[in-house]
Amino acid sequence: MQPFLPPQQIKDSNVSVEIDNNSIDYANLLSISVRCGDVELPKIVHFSILKLEEKDIYLKNGLIGAYVKLGYLNLAEKVFDSLGSPDVVSYTAIVASRIWQNRL
């Protein structure tokens, strides 16, 4: 497990939050972004996950789900393809994205 980095600041025109680099904070940000329809915040979280080389399947599944719900189906598939060992939740999310795209 990587040591925690200093907290990061995530800012947009309306909100400024400071988060610790842990999967719970990132998962909460993904959930909030979906509820608010914010299409940029998941990209920021995704970049942070890549930068930290985060291996948490729960977090990556949340990222897949957020991308699917926000319509970024190609990004959802890229995250899925990067998983070493997808689980049932991973497969469910990617099947949902393909149904959404009418590719099944």
PDB file of N, CA and C in Angstrom:
ATOM      1  N   MET A   1       0.844  -1.183   0.000  1.00  0.00           N
ATOM      2  CA  MET A   1       0.000   0.000   0.000  1.00  0.00           C
ATOM      3  C   MET A   1       0.886   1.240   0.000  1.00  0.00           C
ATOM      4  N   GLN A   2       0.495   2.194  -0.794  1.00  0.00           N
ATOM      5  CA  GLN A   2       1.265   3.428  -0.899  1.00  0.00           C
ATOM      6  C   GLN A   2       1.073   4.297   0.340  1.00  0.00           C
ATOM      7  N   PRO A   3       2.108   5.006   0.766  1.00  0.00           N
ATOM      8  CA  PRO A   3       1.911   5.965   1.855  1.00  0.00           C
ATOM      9  C   PRO A   3       1.003   7.095   1.380  1.00  0.00           C
ATOM     10  N   PHE A   4       0.280   7.657   2.313  1.00  0.00           N
ATOM     11  CA  PHE A   4      -0.615   8.753   1.952  1.00  0.00           C
ATOM     12  C   PHE A   4       0.187   9.967   1.520  1.00  0.00           C
ATOM     13  N   LEU A   5      -0.275  10.582   0.478  1.00  0.00           N
ATOM     14  CA  LEU A   5       0.305  11.832   0.011  1.00  0.00           C
ATOM     15  C   LEU A   5      -0.382  12.972   0.735  1.00  0.00           C
ATOM     16  N   PRO A   6       0.162  14.169   0.683  1.00  0.00           N
ATOM     17  CA  PRO A   6      -0.531  15.300   1.305  1.00  0.00           C
ATOM     18  C   PRO A   6      -1.921  15.458   0.698  1.00  0.00           C
ATOM     19  N   PRO A   7      -2.889  15.930   1.483  1.00  0.00           N
ATOM     20  CA  PRO A   7      -4.237  16.117   0.942  1.00  0.00           C
ATOM     21  C   PRO A   7      -4.209  16.981  -0.313  1.00  0.00           C
ATOM     22  N   GLN A   8      -5.103  16.660  -1.224  1.00  0.00           N
ATOM     23  CA  GLN A   8      -5.199  17.421  -2.463  1.00  0.00           C
ATOM     24  C   GLN A   8      -6.378  18.366  -2.379  1.00  0.00           C
ATOM     25  N   GLN A   9      -6.321  19.395  -3.159  1.00  0.00           N
ATOM     26  CA  GLN A   9      -7.458  20.300  -3.262  1.00  0.00           C
ATOM     27  C   GLN A   9      -8.098  20.086  -4.612  1.00  0.00           C
ATOM     28  N   ILE A  10      -9.398  19.902  -4.600  1.00  0.00           N
ATOM     29  CA  ILE A  10     -10.168  19.793  -5.831  1.00  0.00           C
ATOM     30  C   ILE A  10     -11.059  21.007  -5.874  1.00  0.00           C
ATOM     31  N   LYS A  11     -10.937  21.771  -6.940  1.00  0.00           N
ATOM     32  CA  LYS A  11     -11.676  23.025  -7.033  1.00  0.00           C
ATOM     33  C   LYS A  11     -12.417  23.091  -8.350  1.00  0.00           C
ATOM     34  N   ASP A  12     -13.569  23.694  -8.323  1.00  0.00           N
ATOM     35  CA  ASP A  12     -14.215  24.144  -9.541  1.00  0.00           C
ATOM     36  C   ASP A  12     -14.800  25.507  -9.237  1.00  0.00           C
ATOM     37  N   SER A  13     -15.618  26.016 -10.102  1.00  0.00           N
ATOM     38  CA  SER A  13     -16.108  27.380  -9.916  1.00  0.00           C
ATOM     39  C   SER A  13     -17.013  27.523  -8.698  1.00  0.00           C
ATOM     40  N   ASN A  14     -17.615  26.427  -8.231  1.00  0.00           N
ATOM     41  CA  ASN A  14     -18.572  26.508  -7.131  1.00  0.00           C
ATOM     42  C   ASN A  14     -18.084  25.878  -5.832  1.00  0.00           C
ATOM     43  N   VAL A  15     -17.152  24.947  -5.916  1.00  0.00           N
ATOM     44  CA  VAL A  15     -16.807  24.143  -4.750  1.00  0.00           C
ATOM     45  C   VAL A  15     -15.296  24.025  -4.626  1.00  0.00           C
ATOM     46  N   SER A  16     -14.831  24.032  -3.403  1.00  0.00           N
ATOM     47  CA  SER A  16     -13.438  23.721  -3.125  1.00  0.00           C
ATOM     48  C   SER A  16     -13.436  22.754  -1.952  1.00  0.00           C
ATOM     49  N   VAL A  17     -12.875  21.569  -2.152  1.00  0.00           N
ATOM     50  CA  VAL A  17     -12.829  20.583  -1.079  1.00  0.00           C
ATOM     51  C   VAL A  17     -11.406  20.080  -0.938  1.00  0.00           C
ATOM     52  N   GLU A  18     -11.067  19.723   0.280  1.00  0.00           N
ATOM     53  CA  GLU A  18      -9.772  19.106   0.521  1.00  0.00           C
ATOM     54  C   GLU A  18     -10.036  17.658   0.876  1.00  0.00           C
ATOM     55  N   ILE A  19      -9.353  16.753   0.198  1.00  0.00           N
ATOM     56  CA  ILE A  19      -9.572  15.336   0.455  1.00  0.00           C
ATOM     57  C   ILE A  19      -8.260  14.675   0.826  1.00  0.00           C
ATOM     58  N   ASP A  20      -8.378  13.615   1.616  1.00  0.00           N
ATOM     59  CA  ASP A  20      -7.238  12.745   1.852  1.00  0.00           C
ATOM     60  C   ASP A  20      -7.194  11.781   0.680  1.00  0.00           C
ATOM     61  N   ASN A  21      -6.053  11.212   0.460  1.00  0.00           N
ATOM     62  CA  ASN A  21      -5.919  10.259  -0.638  1.00  0.00           C
ATOM     63  C   ASN A  21      -6.322   8.875  -0.160  1.00  0.00           C
ATOM     64  N   ASN A  22      -7.634   8.665  -0.009  1.00  0.00           N
ATOM     65  CA  ASN A  22      -8.098   7.336   0.348  1.00  0.00           C
ATOM     66  C   ASN A  22      -9.348   7.000  -0.451  1.00  0.00           C
ATOM     67  N   SER A  23      -9.617   5.720  -0.563  1.00  0.00           N
ATOM     68  CA  SER A  23     -10.687   5.273  -1.449  1.00  0.00           C
ATOM     69  C   SER A  23     -12.064   5.711  -0.979  1.00  0.00           C
ATOM     70  N   ILE A  24     -12.264   5.905   0.314  1.00  0.00           N
ATOM     71  CA  ILE A  24     -13.576   6.336   0.810  1.00  0.00           C
ATOM     72  C   ILE A  24     -13.880   7.745   0.323  1.00  0.00           C
ATOM     73  N   ASP A  25     -12.922   8.646   0.429  1.00  0.00           N
ATOM     74  CA  ASP A  25     -13.134  10.009  -0.075  1.00  0.00           C
ATOM     75  C   ASP A  25     -13.385  10.007  -1.573  1.00  0.00           C
ATOM     76  N   TYR A  26     -12.599   9.242  -2.307  1.00  0.00           N
ATOM     77  CA  TYR A  26     -12.785   9.192  -3.757  1.00  0.00           C
ATOM     78  C   TYR A  26     -14.147   8.599  -4.116  1.00  0.00           C
ATOM     79  N   ALA A  27     -14.554   7.534  -3.430  1.00  0.00           N
ATOM     80  CA  ALA A  27     -15.858   6.920  -3.704  1.00  0.00           C
ATOM     81  C   ALA A  27     -16.984   7.901  -3.415  1.00  0.00           C
ATOM     82  N   ASN A  28     -16.869   8.649  -2.333  1.00  0.00           N
ATOM     83  CA  ASN A  28     -17.890   9.657  -2.021  1.00  0.00           C
ATOM     84  C   ASN A  28     -17.937  10.749  -3.086  1.00  0.00           C
ATOM     85  N   LEU A  29     -16.790  11.180  -3.561  1.00  0.00           N
ATOM     86  CA  LEU A  29     -16.761  12.188  -4.624  1.00  0.00           C
ATOM     87  C   LEU A  29     -17.413  11.666  -5.898  1.00  0.00           C
ATOM     88  N   LEU A  30     -17.188  10.400  -6.225  1.00  0.00           N
ATOM     89  CA  LEU A  30     -17.826   9.819  -7.411  1.00  0.00           C
ATOM     90  C   LEU A  30     -19.337   9.794  -7.255  1.00  0.00           C
ATOM     91  N   SER A  31     -19.799   9.398  -6.079  1.00  0.00           N
ATOM     92  CA  SER A  31     -21.239   9.353  -5.818  1.00  0.00           C
ATOM     93  C   SER A  31     -21.867  10.738  -5.931  1.00  0.00           C
ATOM     94  N   ILE A  32     -21.217  11.716  -5.346  1.00  0.00           N
ATOM     95  CA  ILE A  32     -21.723  13.092  -5.399  1.00  0.00           C
ATOM     96  C   ILE A  32     -21.737  13.600  -6.836  1.00  0.00           C
ATOM     97  N   SER A  33     -20.694  13.299  -7.587  1.00  0.00           N
ATOM     98  CA  SER A  33     -20.631  13.798  -8.965  1.00  0.00           C
ATOM     99  C   SER A  33     -21.752  13.223  -9.816  1.00  0.00           C
ATOM    100  N   VAL A  34     -22.102  11.961  -9.597  1.00  0.00           N
ATOM    101  CA  VAL A  34     -23.200  11.351 -10.354  1.00  0.00           C
ATOM    102  C   VAL A  34     -24.515  12.010  -9.974  1.00  0.00           C
ATOM    103  N   ARG A  35     -24.736  12.200  -8.674  1.00  0.00           N
ATOM    104  CA  ARG A  35     -25.990  12.833  -8.237  1.00  0.00           C
ATOM    105  C   ARG A  35     -26.135  14.252  -8.757  1.00  0.00           C
ATOM    106  N   CYS A  36     -25.021  14.954  -8.886  1.00  0.00           N
ATOM    107  CA  CYS A  36     -25.060  16.342  -9.364  1.00  0.00           C
ATOM    108  C   CYS A  36     -24.939  16.442 -10.880  1.00  0.00           C
ATOM    109  N   GLY A  37     -24.648  15.339 -11.538  1.00  0.00           N
ATOM    110  CA  GLY A  37     -24.459  15.367 -12.979  1.00  0.00           C
ATOM    111  C   GLY A  37     -23.155  16.025 -13.396  1.00  0.00           C
ATOM    112  N   ASP A  38     -22.196  16.066 -12.478  1.00  0.00           N
ATOM    113  CA  ASP A  38     -20.895  16.685 -12.754  1.00  0.00           C
ATOM    114  C   ASP A  38     -20.053  15.723 -13.588  1.00  0.00           C
ATOM    115  N   VAL A  39     -19.751  16.102 -14.807  1.00  0.00           N
ATOM    116  CA  VAL A  39     -19.015  15.209 -15.695  1.00  0.00           C
ATOM    117  C   VAL A  39     -17.500  15.360 -15.580  1.00  0.00           C
ATOM    118  N   GLU A  40     -17.025  16.396 -14.924  1.00  0.00           N
ATOM    119  CA  GLU A  40     -15.584  16.624 -14.824  1.00  0.00           C
ATOM    120  C   GLU A  40     -14.958  15.987 -13.590  1.00  0.00           C
ATOM    121  N   LEU A  41     -15.682  15.947 -12.477  1.00  0.00           N
ATOM    122  CA  LEU A  41     -15.111  15.428 -11.237  1.00  0.00           C
ATOM    123  C   LEU A  41     -14.660  13.971 -11.354  1.00  0.00           C
ATOM    124  N   PRO A  42     -15.424  13.069 -12.002  1.00  0.00           N
ATOM    125  CA  PRO A  42     -14.906  11.704 -12.140  1.00  0.00           C
ATOM    126  C   PRO A  42     -13.577  11.638 -12.897  1.00  0.00           C
ATOM    127  N   LYS A  43     -13.386  12.534 -13.850  1.00  0.00           N
ATOM    128  CA  LYS A  43     -12.112  12.554 -14.578  1.00  0.00           C
ATOM    129  C   LYS A  43     -10.964  12.952 -13.653  1.00  0.00           C
ATOM    130  N   ILE A  44     -11.228  13.895 -12.750  1.00  0.00           N
ATOM    131  CA  ILE A  44     -10.208  14.317 -11.784  1.00  0.00           C
ATOM    132  C   ILE A  44      -9.888  13.172 -10.831  1.00  0.00           C
ATOM    133  N   VAL A  45     -10.938  12.492 -10.348  1.00  0.00           N
ATOM    134  CA  VAL A  45     -10.742  11.348  -9.454  1.00  0.00           C
ATOM    135  C   VAL A  45      -9.964  10.254 -10.186  1.00  0.00           C
ATOM    136  N   HIS A  46     -10.328   9.987 -11.436  1.00  0.00           N
ATOM    137  CA  HIS A  46      -9.645   8.968 -12.234  1.00  0.00           C
ATOM    138  C   HIS A  46      -8.155   9.297 -12.352  1.00  0.00           C
ATOM    139  N   PHE A  47      -7.846  10.540 -12.664  1.00  0.00           N
ATOM    140  CA  PHE A  47      -6.448  10.962 -12.764  1.00  0.00           C
ATOM    141  C   PHE A  47      -5.721  10.741 -11.433  1.00  0.00           C
ATOM    142  N   SER A  48      -6.387  11.081 -10.328  1.00  0.00           N
ATOM    143  CA  SER A  48      -5.774  10.907  -9.004  1.00  0.00           C
ATOM    144  C   SER A  48      -5.524   9.436  -8.706  1.00  0.00           C
ATOM    145  N   ILE A  49      -6.476   8.581  -9.092  1.00  0.00           N
ATOM    146  CA  ILE A  49      -6.318   7.140  -8.885  1.00  0.00           C
ATOM    147  C   ILE A  49      -5.121   6.630  -9.682  1.00  0.00           C
ATOM    148  N   LEU A  50      -5.004   7.069 -10.930  1.00  0.00           N
ATOM    149  CA  LEU A  50      -3.872   6.648 -11.761  1.00  0.00           C
ATOM    150  C   LEU A  50      -2.555   7.137 -11.176  1.00  0.00           C
ATOM    151  N   LYS A  51      -2.549   8.371 -10.696  1.00  0.00           N
ATOM    152  CA  LYS A  51      -1.336   8.960 -10.128  1.00  0.00           C
ATOM    153  C   LYS A  51      -0.887   8.192  -8.884  1.00  0.00           C
ATOM    154  N   LEU A  52      -1.845   7.740  -8.095  1.00  0.00           N
ATOM    155  CA  LEU A  52      -1.520   7.005  -6.873  1.00  0.00           C
ATOM    156  C   LEU A  52      -1.310   5.517  -7.124  1.00  0.00           C
ATOM    157  N   GLU A  53      -1.585   5.077  -8.366  1.00  0.00           N
ATOM    158  CA  GLU A  53      -1.537   3.660  -8.704  1.00  0.00           C
ATOM    159  C   GLU A  53      -2.425   2.854  -7.762  1.00  0.00           C
ATOM    160  N   GLU A  54      -3.610   3.383  -7.509  1.00  0.00           N
ATOM    161  CA  GLU A  54      -4.575   2.755  -6.603  1.00  0.00           C
ATOM    162  C   GLU A  54      -5.044   1.422  -7.180  1.00  0.00           C
ATOM    163  N   LYS A  55      -5.039   0.396  -6.361  1.00  0.00           N
ATOM    164  CA  LYS A  55      -5.419  -0.948  -6.800  1.00  0.00           C
ATOM    165  C   LYS A  55      -6.783  -1.379  -6.248  1.00  0.00           C
ATOM    166  N   ASP A  56      -7.489  -0.512  -5.574  1.00  0.00           N
ATOM    167  CA  ASP A  56      -8.746  -0.830  -4.909  1.00  0.00           C
ATOM    168  C   ASP A  56      -9.852  -1.113  -5.928  1.00  0.00           C
ATOM    169  N   ILE A  57     -10.308  -2.373  -5.994  1.00  0.00           N
ATOM    170  CA  ILE A  57     -11.341  -2.771  -6.953  1.00  0.00           C
ATOM    171  C   ILE A  57     -12.657  -2.052  -6.667  1.00  0.00           C
ATOM    172  N   TYR A  58     -12.969  -1.823  -5.389  1.00  0.00           N
ATOM    173  CA  TYR A  58     -14.194  -1.107  -5.020  1.00  0.00           C
ATOM    174  C   TYR A  58     -14.201   0.281  -5.645  1.00  0.00           C
ATOM    175  N   LEU A  59     -13.093   0.949  -5.564  1.00  0.00           N
ATOM    176  CA  LEU A  59     -12.980   2.301  -6.109  1.00  0.00           C
ATOM    177  C   LEU A  59     -13.060   2.290  -7.630  1.00  0.00           C
ATOM    178  N   LYS A  60     -12.384   1.357  -8.264  1.00  0.00           N
ATOM    179  CA  LYS A  60     -12.433   1.286  -9.727  1.00  0.00           C
ATOM    180  C   LYS A  60     -13.825   0.897 -10.212  1.00  0.00           C
ATOM    181  N   ASN A  61     -14.523   0.035  -9.475  1.00  0.00           N
ATOM    182  CA  ASN A  61     -15.911  -0.280  -9.832  1.00  0.00           C
ATOM    183  C   ASN A  61     -16.786   0.960  -9.718  1.00  0.00           C
ATOM    184  N   GLY A  62     -16.545   1.772  -8.700  1.00  0.00           N
ATOM    185  CA  GLY A  62     -17.281   3.027  -8.551  1.00  0.00           C
ATOM    186  C   GLY A  62     -17.012   3.967  -9.706  1.00  0.00           C
ATOM    187  N   LEU A  63     -15.779   3.973 -10.167  1.00  0.00           N
ATOM    188  CA  LEU A  63     -15.410   4.806 -11.308  1.00  0.00           C
ATOM    189  C   LEU A  63     -16.108   4.316 -12.578  1.00  0.00           C
ATOM    190  N   ILE A  64     -16.149   3.002 -12.779  1.00  0.00           N
ATOM    191  CA  ILE A  64     -16.870   2.441 -13.932  1.00  0.00           C
ATOM    192  C   ILE A  64     -18.334   2.848 -13.866  1.00  0.00           C
ATOM    193  N   GLY A  65     -18.951   2.663 -12.693  1.00  0.00           N
ATOM    194  CA  GLY A  65     -20.360   3.019 -12.526  1.00  0.00           C
ATOM    195  C   GLY A  65     -20.632   4.491 -12.773  1.00  0.00           C
ATOM    196  N   ALA A  66     -19.751   5.347 -12.279  1.00  0.00           N
ATOM    197  CA  ALA A  66     -19.929   6.792 -12.480  1.00  0.00           C
ATOM    198  C   ALA A  66     -19.840   7.139 -13.958  1.00  0.00           C
ATOM    199  N   TYR A  67     -18.850   6.587 -14.641  1.00  0.00           N
ATOM    200  CA  TYR A  67     -18.721   6.860 -16.073  1.00  0.00           C
ATOM    201  C   TYR A  67     -19.945   6.374 -16.846  1.00  0.00           C
ATOM    202  N   VAL A  68     -20.457   5.197 -16.499  1.00  0.00           N
ATOM    203  CA  VAL A  68     -21.654   4.678 -17.181  1.00  0.00           C
ATOM    204  C   VAL A  68     -22.828   5.617 -16.955  1.00  0.00           C
ATOM    205  N   LYS A  69     -23.055   5.993 -15.709  1.00  0.00           N
ATOM    206  CA  LYS A  69     -24.207   6.842 -15.377  1.00  0.00           C
ATOM    207  C   LYS A  69     -24.110   8.229 -15.996  1.00  0.00           C
ATOM    208  N   LEU A  70     -22.895   8.706 -16.214  1.00  0.00           N
ATOM    209  CA  LEU A  70     -22.710  10.034 -16.802  1.00  0.00           C
ATOM    210  C   LEU A  70     -22.553   9.987 -18.323  1.00  0.00           C
ATOM    211  N   GLY A  71     -22.602   8.778 -18.892  1.00  0.00           N
ATOM    212  CA  GLY A  71     -22.563   8.640 -20.344  1.00  0.00           C
ATOM    213  C   GLY A  71     -21.182   8.510 -20.960  1.00  0.00           C
ATOM    214  N   TYR A  72     -20.153   8.374 -20.151  1.00  0.00           N
ATOM    215  CA  TYR A  72     -18.790   8.188 -20.661  1.00  0.00           C
ATOM    216  C   TYR A  72     -18.500   6.690 -20.777  1.00  0.00           C
ATOM    217  N   LEU A  73     -19.191   6.043 -21.690  1.00  0.00           N
ATOM    218  CA  LEU A  73     -19.120   4.591 -21.789  1.00  0.00           C
ATOM    219  C   LEU A  73     -17.746   4.108 -22.248  1.00  0.00           C
ATOM    220  N   ASN A  74     -17.102   4.867 -23.115  1.00  0.00           N
ATOM    221  CA  ASN A  74     -15.760   4.472 -23.561  1.00  0.00           C
ATOM    222  C   ASN A  74     -14.753   4.527 -22.406  1.00  0.00           C
ATOM    223  N   LEU A  75     -14.898   5.505 -21.514  1.00  0.00           N
ATOM    224  CA  LEU A  75     -13.997   5.584 -20.357  1.00  0.00           C
ATOM    225  C   LEU A  75     -14.289   4.460 -19.366  1.00  0.00           C
ATOM    226  N   ALA A  76     -15.564   4.107 -19.217  1.00  0.00           N
ATOM    227  CA  ALA A  76     -15.928   2.976 -18.348  1.00  0.00           C
ATOM    228  C   ALA A  76     -15.256   1.703 -18.849  1.00  0.00           C
ATOM    229  N   GLU A  77     -15.273   1.499 -20.153  1.00  0.00           N
ATOM    230  CA  GLU A  77     -14.642   0.304 -20.716  1.00  0.00           C
ATOM    231  C   GLU A  77     -13.126   0.330 -20.548  1.00  0.00           C
ATOM    232  N   LYS A  78     -12.512   1.499 -20.632  1.00  0.00           N
ATOM    233  CA  LYS A  78     -11.062   1.597 -20.427  1.00  0.00           C
ATOM    234  C   LYS A  78     -10.687   1.220 -18.995  1.00  0.00           C
ATOM    235  N   VAL A  79     -11.482   1.691 -18.027  1.00  0.00           N
ATOM    236  CA  VAL A  79     -11.209   1.330 -16.629  1.00  0.00           C
ATOM    237  C   VAL A  79     -11.390  -0.172 -16.449  1.00  0.00           C
ATOM    238  N   PHE A  80     -12.474  -0.722 -17.016  1.00  0.00           N
ATOM    239  CA  PHE A  80     -12.723  -2.166 -16.926  1.00  0.00           C
ATOM    240  C   PHE A  80     -11.550  -2.950 -17.518  1.00  0.00           C
ATOM    241  N   ASP A  81     -11.096  -2.533 -18.690  1.00  0.00           N
ATOM    242  CA  ASP A  81      -9.992  -3.233 -19.355  1.00  0.00           C
ATOM    243  C   ASP A  81      -8.696  -3.173 -18.549  1.00  0.00           C
ATOM    244  N   SER A  82      -8.553  -2.156 -17.700  1.00  0.00           N
ATOM    245  CA  SER A  82      -7.332  -2.015 -16.900  1.00  0.00           C
ATOM    246  C   SER A  82      -7.351  -2.876 -15.637  1.00  0.00           C
ATOM    247  N   LEU A  83      -8.513  -3.461 -15.311  1.00  0.00           N
ATOM    248  CA  LEU A  83      -8.611  -4.280 -14.106  1.00  0.00           C
ATOM    249  C   LEU A  83      -7.872  -5.598 -14.312  1.00  0.00           C
ATOM    250  N   GLY A  84      -7.078  -5.966 -13.350  1.00  0.00           N
ATOM    251  CA  GLY A  84      -6.388  -7.246 -13.430  1.00  0.00           C
ATOM    252  C   GLY A  84      -7.326  -8.416 -13.215  1.00  0.00           C
ATOM    253  N   SER A  85      -8.195  -8.288 -12.227  1.00  0.00           N
ATOM    254  CA  SER A  85      -9.151  -9.347 -11.894  1.00  0.00           C
ATOM    255  C   SER A  85     -10.513  -8.728 -11.634  1.00  0.00           C
ATOM    256  N   PRO A  86     -11.306  -8.520 -12.692  1.00  0.00           N
ATOM    257  CA  PRO A  86     -12.640  -7.947 -12.486  1.00  0.00           C
ATOM    258  C   PRO A  86     -13.489  -8.872 -11.615  1.00  0.00           C
ATOM    259  N   ASP A  87     -14.383  -8.285 -10.829  1.00  0.00           N
ATOM    260  CA  ASP A  87     -15.292  -9.084 -10.018  1.00  0.00           C
ATOM    261  C   ASP A  87     -16.709  -8.966 -10.584  1.00  0.00           C
ATOM    262  N   VAL A  88     -17.678  -9.534  -9.871  1.00  0.00           N
ATOM    263  CA  VAL A  88     -19.071  -9.533 -10.329  1.00  0.00           C
ATOM    264  C   VAL A  88     -19.582  -8.112 -10.539  1.00  0.00           C
ATOM    265  N   VAL A  89     -19.228  -7.204  -9.650  1.00  0.00           N
ATOM    266  CA  VAL A  89     -19.676  -5.816  -9.772  1.00  0.00           C
ATOM    267  C   VAL A  89     -19.083  -5.183 -11.031  1.00  0.00           C
ATOM    268  N   SER A  90     -17.833  -5.479 -11.317  1.00  0.00           N
ATOM    269  CA  SER A  90     -17.184  -4.950 -12.524  1.00  0.00           C
ATOM    270  C   SER A  90     -17.922  -5.417 -13.772  1.00  0.00           C
ATOM    271  N   TYR A  91     -18.202  -6.717 -13.820  1.00  0.00           N
ATOM    272  CA  TYR A  91     -18.902  -7.267 -14.986  1.00  0.00           C
ATOM    273  C   TYR A  91     -20.314  -6.705 -15.104  1.00  0.00           C
ATOM    274  N   THR A  92     -20.999  -6.551 -13.982  1.00  0.00           N
ATOM    275  CA  THR A  92     -22.356  -5.993 -14.010  1.00  0.00           C
ATOM    276  C   THR A  92     -22.342  -4.574 -14.558  1.00  0.00           C
ATOM    277  N   ALA A  93     -21.387  -3.778 -14.118  1.00  0.00           N
ATOM    278  CA  ALA A  93     -21.303  -2.390 -14.582  1.00  0.00           C
ATOM    279  C   ALA A  93     -21.004  -2.322 -16.076  1.00  0.00           C
ATOM    280  N   ILE A  94     -20.115  -3.180 -16.557  1.00  0.00           N
ATOM    281  CA  ILE A  94     -19.756  -3.119 -17.975  1.00  0.00           C
ATOM    282  C   ILE A  94     -20.877  -3.673 -18.839  1.00  0.00           C
ATOM    283  N   VAL A  95     -21.606  -4.679 -18.356  1.00  0.00           N
ATOM    284  CA  VAL A  95     -22.776  -5.174 -19.090  1.00  0.00           C
ATOM    285  C   VAL A  95     -23.829  -4.076 -19.163  1.00  0.00           C
ATOM    286  N   ALA A  96     -24.021  -3.354 -18.067  1.00  0.00           N
ATOM    287  CA  ALA A  96     -24.979  -2.237 -18.069  1.00  0.00           C
ATOM    288  C   ALA A  96     -24.584  -1.187 -19.103  1.00  0.00           C
ATOM    289  N   SER A  97     -23.288  -0.923 -19.229  1.00  0.00           N
ATOM    290  CA  SER A  97     -22.857   0.077 -20.215  1.00  0.00           C
ATOM    291  C   SER A  97     -23.129  -0.406 -21.632  1.00  0.00           C
ATOM    292  N   ARG A  98     -22.958  -1.692 -21.864  1.00  0.00           N
ATOM    293  CA  ARG A  98     -23.209  -2.226 -23.211  1.00  0.00           C
ATOM    294  C   ARG A  98     -24.694  -2.270 -23.517  1.00  0.00           C
ATOM    295  N   ILE A  99     -25.511  -2.536 -22.518  1.00  0.00           N
ATOM    296  CA  ILE A  99     -26.960  -2.464 -22.720  1.00  0.00           C
ATOM    297  C   ILE A  99     -27.340  -1.027 -23.051  1.00  0.00           C
ATOM    298  N   TRP A 100     -26.736  -0.092 -22.328  1.00  0.00           N
ATOM    299  CA  TRP A 100     -26.992   1.324 -22.564  1.00  0.00           C
ATOM    300  C   TRP A 100     -26.640   1.696 -24.007  1.00  0.00           C
ATOM    301  N   GLN A 101     -25.585   1.098 -24.525  1.00  0.00           N
ATOM    302  CA  GLN A 101     -25.149   1.365 -25.897  1.00  0.00           C
ATOM    303  C   GLN A 101     -25.850   0.468 -26.916  1.00  0.00           C
ATOM    304  N   ASN A 102     -26.716  -0.425 -26.447  1.00  0.00           N
ATOM    305  CA  ASN A 102     -27.392  -1.402 -27.319  1.00  0.00           C
ATOM    306  C   ASN A 102     -26.398  -2.286 -28.061  1.00  0.00           C
ATOM    307  N   ARG A 103     -25.343  -2.713 -27.359  1.00  0.00           N
ATOM    308  CA  ARG A 103     -24.322  -3.554 -27.984  1.00  0.00           C
ATOM    309  C   ARG A 103     -24.416  -5.004 -27.553  1.00  0.00           C
ATOM    310  N   LEU A 104     -25.485  -5.386 -26.881  1.00  0.00           N
ATOM    311  CA  LEU A 104     -25.642  -6.798 -26.503  1.00  0.00           C
ATOM    312  C   LEU A 104     -26.697  -7.438 -27.345  1.00  0.00           C
TER     313      LEU A 104
END
